[in-house]
Amino acid sequence: MKIKRAFLMVEPTKKAFDRAFRVLSRPSKKYAGTMILSFPDYKTLGKAISATRIELLNVIRTQRPKSIQHLAKLVRRDFKNVYTDVKFLQEFGLIDLEERGARRSSVPKTKFKEFVLAA
């Protein structure tokens, strides 16, 4: 099954583990096609998902850049900063990087059609 939605939520770590174990013990269709990322507080969520990173996710999804360099030009930002944000989003599992071409340029690809922020 392909995951179509990323659900980003703020909840205490204990509650996140309790929900995960509950879903593992009794699978349901409630979260089918959804990847859930839990953050312990709003400060951490704000560091992880900033306005510039949300913009990158949107541009990757809608404009499908051919490389990180192309993405940096689309958002009119410095390549180094865009590269850092792209690597961060990849570590969180929100995007994939595919290597293509003779120069092995990294092509950012979003994994999701929808991102949901919940408090």
N, C-alpha and C. Protein backbone atom coordinates (compact mmCIF):
# COMPACT_ATOMS: atom_id res chain seq x y z
N MET A 1 0.84 -1.17 0.00
CA MET A 1 0.00 0.00 0.00
C MET A 1 0.89 1.24 0.00
N LYS A 2 0.56 2.18 -0.89
CA LYS A 2 1.33 3.41 -0.97
C LYS A 2 0.81 4.42 0.05
N ILE A 3 1.73 5.04 0.76
CA ILE A 3 1.36 6.05 1.76
C ILE A 3 1.12 7.36 1.02
N LYS A 4 -0.05 7.97 1.26
CA LYS A 4 -0.41 9.19 0.55
C LYS A 4 -0.43 10.41 1.44
N ARG A 5 -0.43 10.22 2.75
CA ARG A 5 -0.60 11.33 3.67
C ARG A 5 0.44 11.24 4.79
N ALA A 6 1.01 12.40 5.13
CA ALA A 6 1.89 12.51 6.30
C ALA A 6 1.14 13.31 7.35
N PHE A 7 1.02 12.76 8.53
CA PHE A 7 0.28 13.37 9.63
C PHE A 7 1.30 13.79 10.67
N LEU A 8 1.50 15.10 10.83
CA LEU A 8 2.48 15.63 11.76
C LEU A 8 1.75 16.14 12.99
N MET A 9 2.07 15.57 14.16
CA MET A 9 1.32 15.94 15.36
C MET A 9 2.23 16.16 16.56
N VAL A 10 1.73 16.95 17.50
CA VAL A 10 2.42 17.21 18.76
C VAL A 10 1.73 16.37 19.83
N GLU A 11 2.51 15.52 20.46
CA GLU A 11 2.00 14.70 21.56
C GLU A 11 3.16 14.23 22.40
N PRO A 12 2.94 13.98 23.68
CA PRO A 12 4.01 13.49 24.54
C PRO A 12 4.54 12.15 24.03
N THR A 13 5.80 11.89 24.28
CA THR A 13 6.43 10.66 23.79
C THR A 13 5.70 9.42 24.28
N LYS A 14 5.29 9.39 25.54
CA LYS A 14 4.58 8.23 26.07
C LYS A 14 3.28 7.97 25.29
N LYS A 15 2.56 9.03 25.01
CA LYS A 15 1.30 8.89 24.26
C LYS A 15 1.57 8.38 22.85
N ALA A 16 2.64 8.85 22.22
CA ALA A 16 3.00 8.39 20.88
C ALA A 16 3.32 6.89 20.88
N PHE A 17 4.09 6.44 21.88
CA PHE A 17 4.41 5.01 21.98
C PHE A 17 3.16 4.19 22.27
N ASP A 18 2.30 4.68 23.15
CA ASP A 18 1.06 3.96 23.45
C ASP A 18 0.20 3.79 22.20
N ARG A 19 0.08 4.86 21.40
CA ARG A 19 -0.70 4.78 20.16
C ARG A 19 -0.07 3.80 19.19
N ALA A 20 1.27 3.85 19.06
CA ALA A 20 1.97 2.94 18.14
C ALA A 20 1.77 1.49 18.54
N PHE A 21 1.91 1.17 19.83
CA PHE A 21 1.71 -0.21 20.28
C PHE A 21 0.27 -0.66 20.11
N ARG A 22 -0.67 0.26 20.32
CA ARG A 22 -2.09 -0.06 20.15
C ARG A 22 -2.39 -0.40 18.69
N VAL A 23 -1.82 0.37 17.77
CA VAL A 23 -2.03 0.12 16.34
C VAL A 23 -1.37 -1.20 15.93
N LEU A 24 -0.20 -1.48 16.49
CA LEU A 24 0.48 -2.74 16.17
C LEU A 24 -0.29 -3.95 16.70
N SER A 25 -0.86 -3.81 17.88
CA SER A 25 -1.59 -4.94 18.48
C SER A 25 -2.97 -5.13 17.85
N ARG A 26 -3.59 -4.05 17.45
CA ARG A 26 -4.92 -4.12 16.82
C ARG A 26 -4.94 -3.23 15.59
N PRO A 27 -4.41 -3.71 14.46
CA PRO A 27 -4.38 -2.87 13.25
C PRO A 27 -5.80 -2.44 12.85
N SER A 28 -5.92 -1.21 12.40
CA SER A 28 -7.21 -0.71 11.94
C SER A 28 -6.99 0.06 10.64
N LYS A 29 -8.08 0.39 9.99
CA LYS A 29 -8.00 1.13 8.74
C LYS A 29 -7.94 2.64 8.97
N LYS A 30 -8.02 3.05 10.23
CA LYS A 30 -8.05 4.48 10.56
C LYS A 30 -6.82 5.22 10.02
N TYR A 31 -5.64 4.61 10.14
CA TYR A 31 -4.41 5.24 9.70
C TYR A 31 -3.84 4.61 8.44
N ALA A 32 -4.64 3.88 7.68
CA ALA A 32 -4.18 3.26 6.44
C ALA A 32 -3.77 4.35 5.46
N GLY A 33 -2.63 4.17 4.83
CA GLY A 33 -2.14 5.15 3.87
C GLY A 33 -1.60 6.42 4.50
N THR A 34 -1.32 6.37 5.81
CA THR A 34 -0.85 7.55 6.53
C THR A 34 0.43 7.24 7.30
N MET A 35 1.40 8.13 7.21
CA MET A 35 2.59 8.03 8.05
C MET A 35 2.45 9.10 9.13
N ILE A 36 2.62 8.72 10.39
CA ILE A 36 2.47 9.65 11.49
C ILE A 36 3.85 10.00 12.06
N LEU A 37 4.12 11.30 12.14
CA LEU A 37 5.34 11.80 12.79
C LEU A 37 4.92 12.56 14.03
N SER A 38 5.39 12.12 15.19
CA SER A 38 5.05 12.77 16.45
C SER A 38 6.20 13.64 16.93
N PHE A 39 5.86 14.79 17.46
CA PHE A 39 6.83 15.71 18.02
C PHE A 39 6.46 15.95 19.49
N PRO A 40 7.44 16.03 20.39
CA PRO A 40 7.13 16.16 21.81
C PRO A 40 6.57 17.52 22.21
N ASP A 41 6.88 18.57 21.42
CA ASP A 41 6.37 19.90 21.75
C ASP A 41 6.36 20.77 20.50
N TYR A 42 5.73 21.94 20.61
CA TYR A 42 5.60 22.84 19.46
C TYR A 42 6.93 23.43 19.04
N LYS A 43 7.83 23.61 19.97
CA LYS A 43 9.14 24.16 19.66
C LYS A 43 9.90 23.22 18.71
N THR A 44 9.86 21.94 19.00
CA THR A 44 10.51 20.94 18.16
C THR A 44 9.84 20.87 16.79
N LEU A 45 8.52 20.90 16.77
CA LEU A 45 7.78 20.89 15.50
C LEU A 45 8.16 22.11 14.67
N GLY A 46 8.25 23.27 15.31
CA GLY A 46 8.62 24.50 14.61
C GLY A 46 10.02 24.45 14.02
N LYS A 47 10.95 23.80 14.71
CA LYS A 47 12.30 23.65 14.18
C LYS A 47 12.31 22.68 13.00
N ALA A 48 11.54 21.63 13.11
CA ALA A 48 11.53 20.60 12.07
C ALA A 48 10.81 21.05 10.81
N ILE A 49 9.66 21.67 11.00
CA ILE A 49 8.83 22.05 9.86
C ILE A 49 8.68 23.57 9.85
N SER A 50 9.66 24.22 9.29
CA SER A 50 9.64 25.68 9.20
C SER A 50 8.91 26.10 7.92
N ALA A 51 8.66 27.38 7.79
CA ALA A 51 7.98 27.90 6.61
C ALA A 51 8.77 27.60 5.34
N THR A 52 10.09 27.72 5.41
CA THR A 52 10.91 27.47 4.21
C THR A 52 10.90 26.00 3.82
N ARG A 53 10.84 25.12 4.80
CA ARG A 53 10.78 23.68 4.48
C ARG A 53 9.41 23.29 3.92
N ILE A 54 8.37 23.92 4.42
CA ILE A 54 7.03 23.67 3.87
C ILE A 54 6.98 24.16 2.42
N GLU A 55 7.61 25.31 2.16
CA GLU A 55 7.67 25.81 0.79
C GLU A 55 8.41 24.81 -0.11
N LEU A 56 9.52 24.26 0.38
CA LEU A 56 10.26 23.27 -0.41
C LEU A 56 9.40 22.05 -0.71
N LEU A 57 8.68 21.56 0.29
CA LEU A 57 7.80 20.40 0.08
C LEU A 57 6.76 20.70 -1.00
N ASN A 58 6.20 21.89 -0.96
CA ASN A 58 5.19 22.28 -1.94
C ASN A 58 5.78 22.36 -3.34
N VAL A 59 6.94 22.98 -3.47
CA VAL A 59 7.58 23.13 -4.78
C VAL A 59 8.00 21.77 -5.32
N ILE A 60 8.52 20.91 -4.47
CA ILE A 60 8.90 19.56 -4.91
C ILE A 60 7.67 18.82 -5.42
N ARG A 61 6.57 18.94 -4.70
CA ARG A 61 5.35 18.23 -5.09
C ARG A 61 4.73 18.79 -6.37
N THR A 62 4.70 20.10 -6.51
CA THR A 62 3.98 20.70 -7.62
C THR A 62 4.83 20.93 -8.87
N GLN A 63 6.12 21.29 -8.69
CA GLN A 63 6.94 21.66 -9.85
C GLN A 63 7.95 20.59 -10.25
N ARG A 64 8.14 19.60 -9.42
CA ARG A 64 9.03 18.46 -9.71
C ARG A 64 10.40 18.88 -10.26
N PRO A 65 11.22 19.50 -9.42
CA PRO A 65 12.53 19.96 -9.88
C PRO A 65 13.42 18.80 -10.31
N LYS A 66 14.34 19.09 -11.22
CA LYS A 66 15.23 18.07 -11.78
C LYS A 66 16.45 17.80 -10.91
N SER A 67 16.71 18.70 -9.96
CA SER A 67 17.86 18.56 -9.07
C SER A 67 17.68 19.51 -7.89
N ILE A 68 18.56 19.38 -6.91
CA ILE A 68 18.53 20.32 -5.78
C ILE A 68 18.90 21.71 -6.27
N GLN A 69 19.82 21.78 -7.22
CA GLN A 69 20.21 23.08 -7.81
C GLN A 69 18.99 23.74 -8.46
N HIS A 70 18.21 22.97 -9.20
CA HIS A 70 17.00 23.49 -9.85
C HIS A 70 15.99 23.94 -8.79
N LEU A 71 15.85 23.16 -7.72
CA LEU A 71 14.95 23.52 -6.63
C LEU A 71 15.37 24.86 -6.01
N ALA A 72 16.67 25.04 -5.79
CA ALA A 72 17.17 26.29 -5.21
C ALA A 72 16.83 27.48 -6.11
N LYS A 73 16.92 27.30 -7.42
CA LYS A 73 16.57 28.38 -8.35
C LYS A 73 15.07 28.66 -8.30
N LEU A 74 14.25 27.62 -8.20
CA LEU A 74 12.80 27.80 -8.16
C LEU A 74 12.35 28.60 -6.93
N VAL A 75 12.99 28.36 -5.79
CA VAL A 75 12.60 29.06 -4.56
C VAL A 75 13.45 30.31 -4.31
N ARG A 76 14.41 30.57 -5.21
CA ARG A 76 15.29 31.74 -5.12
C ARG A 76 16.02 31.82 -3.79
N ARG A 77 16.66 30.69 -3.46
CA ARG A 77 17.45 30.61 -2.22
C ARG A 77 18.82 30.07 -2.55
N ASP A 78 19.75 30.27 -1.64
CA ASP A 78 21.11 29.78 -1.78
C ASP A 78 21.12 28.25 -1.80
N PHE A 79 21.93 27.67 -2.71
CA PHE A 79 21.99 26.22 -2.85
C PHE A 79 22.33 25.53 -1.54
N LYS A 80 23.32 26.06 -0.81
CA LYS A 80 23.77 25.42 0.44
C LYS A 80 22.63 25.30 1.45
N ASN A 81 21.83 26.36 1.60
CA ASN A 81 20.71 26.33 2.55
C ASN A 81 19.62 25.36 2.09
N VAL A 82 19.33 25.36 0.81
CA VAL A 82 18.32 24.44 0.27
C VAL A 82 18.80 23.00 0.44
N TYR A 83 20.08 22.75 0.16
CA TYR A 83 20.65 21.42 0.32
C TYR A 83 20.50 20.93 1.76
N THR A 84 20.80 21.80 2.72
CA THR A 84 20.68 21.45 4.14
C THR A 84 19.24 21.10 4.49
N ASP A 85 18.29 21.90 4.02
CA ASP A 85 16.88 21.63 4.29
C ASP A 85 16.41 20.34 3.61
N VAL A 86 16.86 20.10 2.39
CA VAL A 86 16.48 18.88 1.67
C VAL A 86 17.00 17.64 2.41
N LYS A 87 18.23 17.69 2.86
CA LYS A 87 18.80 16.56 3.61
C LYS A 87 18.02 16.33 4.91
N PHE A 88 17.63 17.40 5.56
CA PHE A 88 16.84 17.31 6.79
C PHE A 88 15.50 16.64 6.50
N LEU A 89 14.82 17.08 5.44
CA LEU A 89 13.52 16.49 5.07
C LEU A 89 13.67 15.02 4.69
N GLN A 90 14.81 14.69 4.08
CA GLN A 90 15.06 13.28 3.74
C GLN A 90 15.25 12.45 5.01
N GLU A 91 15.98 12.97 5.98
CA GLU A 91 16.20 12.25 7.24
C GLU A 91 14.89 12.00 7.98
N PHE A 92 13.95 12.95 7.89
CA PHE A 92 12.64 12.78 8.53
C PHE A 92 11.74 11.83 7.74
N GLY A 93 12.15 11.48 6.52
CA GLY A 93 11.36 10.57 5.71
C GLY A 93 10.25 11.24 4.94
N LEU A 94 10.32 12.56 4.79
CA LEU A 94 9.28 13.28 4.06
C LEU A 94 9.53 13.35 2.56
N ILE A 95 10.79 13.17 2.15
CA ILE A 95 11.12 13.14 0.73
C ILE A 95 12.16 12.05 0.48
N ASP A 96 12.31 11.69 -0.79
CA ASP A 96 13.36 10.78 -1.23
C ASP A 96 14.29 11.55 -2.16
N LEU A 97 15.53 11.11 -2.25
CA LEU A 97 16.47 11.67 -3.21
C LEU A 97 16.91 10.55 -4.15
N GLU A 98 16.68 10.74 -5.44
CA GLU A 98 17.09 9.77 -6.45
C GLU A 98 18.27 10.34 -7.22
N GLU A 99 19.31 9.53 -7.40
CA GLU A 99 20.46 9.99 -8.17
C GLU A 99 20.22 9.66 -9.64
N ARG A 100 20.46 10.68 -10.50
CA ARG A 100 20.22 10.51 -11.93
C ARG A 100 21.32 11.17 -12.73
N GLY A 101 21.47 10.70 -13.96
CA GLY A 101 22.37 11.32 -14.91
C GLY A 101 23.83 11.00 -14.69
N ALA A 102 24.64 11.45 -15.64
CA ALA A 102 26.07 11.19 -15.60
C ALA A 102 26.74 11.87 -14.42
N ARG A 103 26.20 13.03 -14.02
CA ARG A 103 26.78 13.76 -12.89
C ARG A 103 26.21 13.31 -11.56
N ARG A 104 25.30 12.34 -11.60
CA ARG A 104 24.69 11.77 -10.39
C ARG A 104 24.02 12.85 -9.54
N SER A 105 23.29 13.76 -10.19
CA SER A 105 22.59 14.80 -9.43
C SER A 105 21.44 14.19 -8.65
N SER A 106 21.17 14.73 -7.49
CA SER A 106 20.10 14.23 -6.62
C SER A 106 18.80 14.92 -6.98
N VAL A 107 17.78 14.11 -7.29
CA VAL A 107 16.46 14.63 -7.65
C VAL A 107 15.54 14.44 -6.45
N PRO A 108 15.03 15.53 -5.87
CA PRO A 108 14.12 15.39 -4.73
C PRO A 108 12.73 14.95 -5.19
N LYS A 109 12.17 13.96 -4.50
CA LYS A 109 10.84 13.43 -4.80
C LYS A 109 10.05 13.38 -3.50
N THR A 110 8.84 13.91 -3.51
CA THR A 110 8.01 13.84 -2.32
C THR A 110 7.36 12.46 -2.24
N LYS A 111 7.14 11.98 -1.03
CA LYS A 111 6.51 10.68 -0.82
C LYS A 111 5.01 10.81 -0.65
N PHE A 112 4.53 12.03 -0.43
CA PHE A 112 3.14 12.22 -0.04
C PHE A 112 2.42 13.21 -0.93
N LYS A 113 1.12 13.02 -1.02
CA LYS A 113 0.28 13.97 -1.73
C LYS A 113 -0.27 15.03 -0.78
N GLU A 114 -0.28 14.71 0.51
CA GLU A 114 -0.91 15.59 1.48
C GLU A 114 -0.12 15.57 2.80
N PHE A 115 0.02 16.76 3.39
CA PHE A 115 0.63 16.91 4.70
C PHE A 115 -0.41 17.52 5.63
N VAL A 116 -0.61 16.87 6.79
CA VAL A 116 -1.60 17.34 7.74
C VAL A 116 -0.88 17.69 9.04
N LEU A 117 -1.03 18.94 9.49
CA LEU A 117 -0.47 19.36 10.77
C LEU A 117 -1.58 19.35 11.80
N ALA A 118 -1.36 18.66 12.91
CA ALA A 118 -2.38 18.56 13.96
C ALA A 118 -1.77 18.99 15.29
N ALA A 119 -2.57 19.63 16.10
CA ALA A 119 -2.11 20.07 17.42
C ALA A 119 -2.64 19.15 18.48
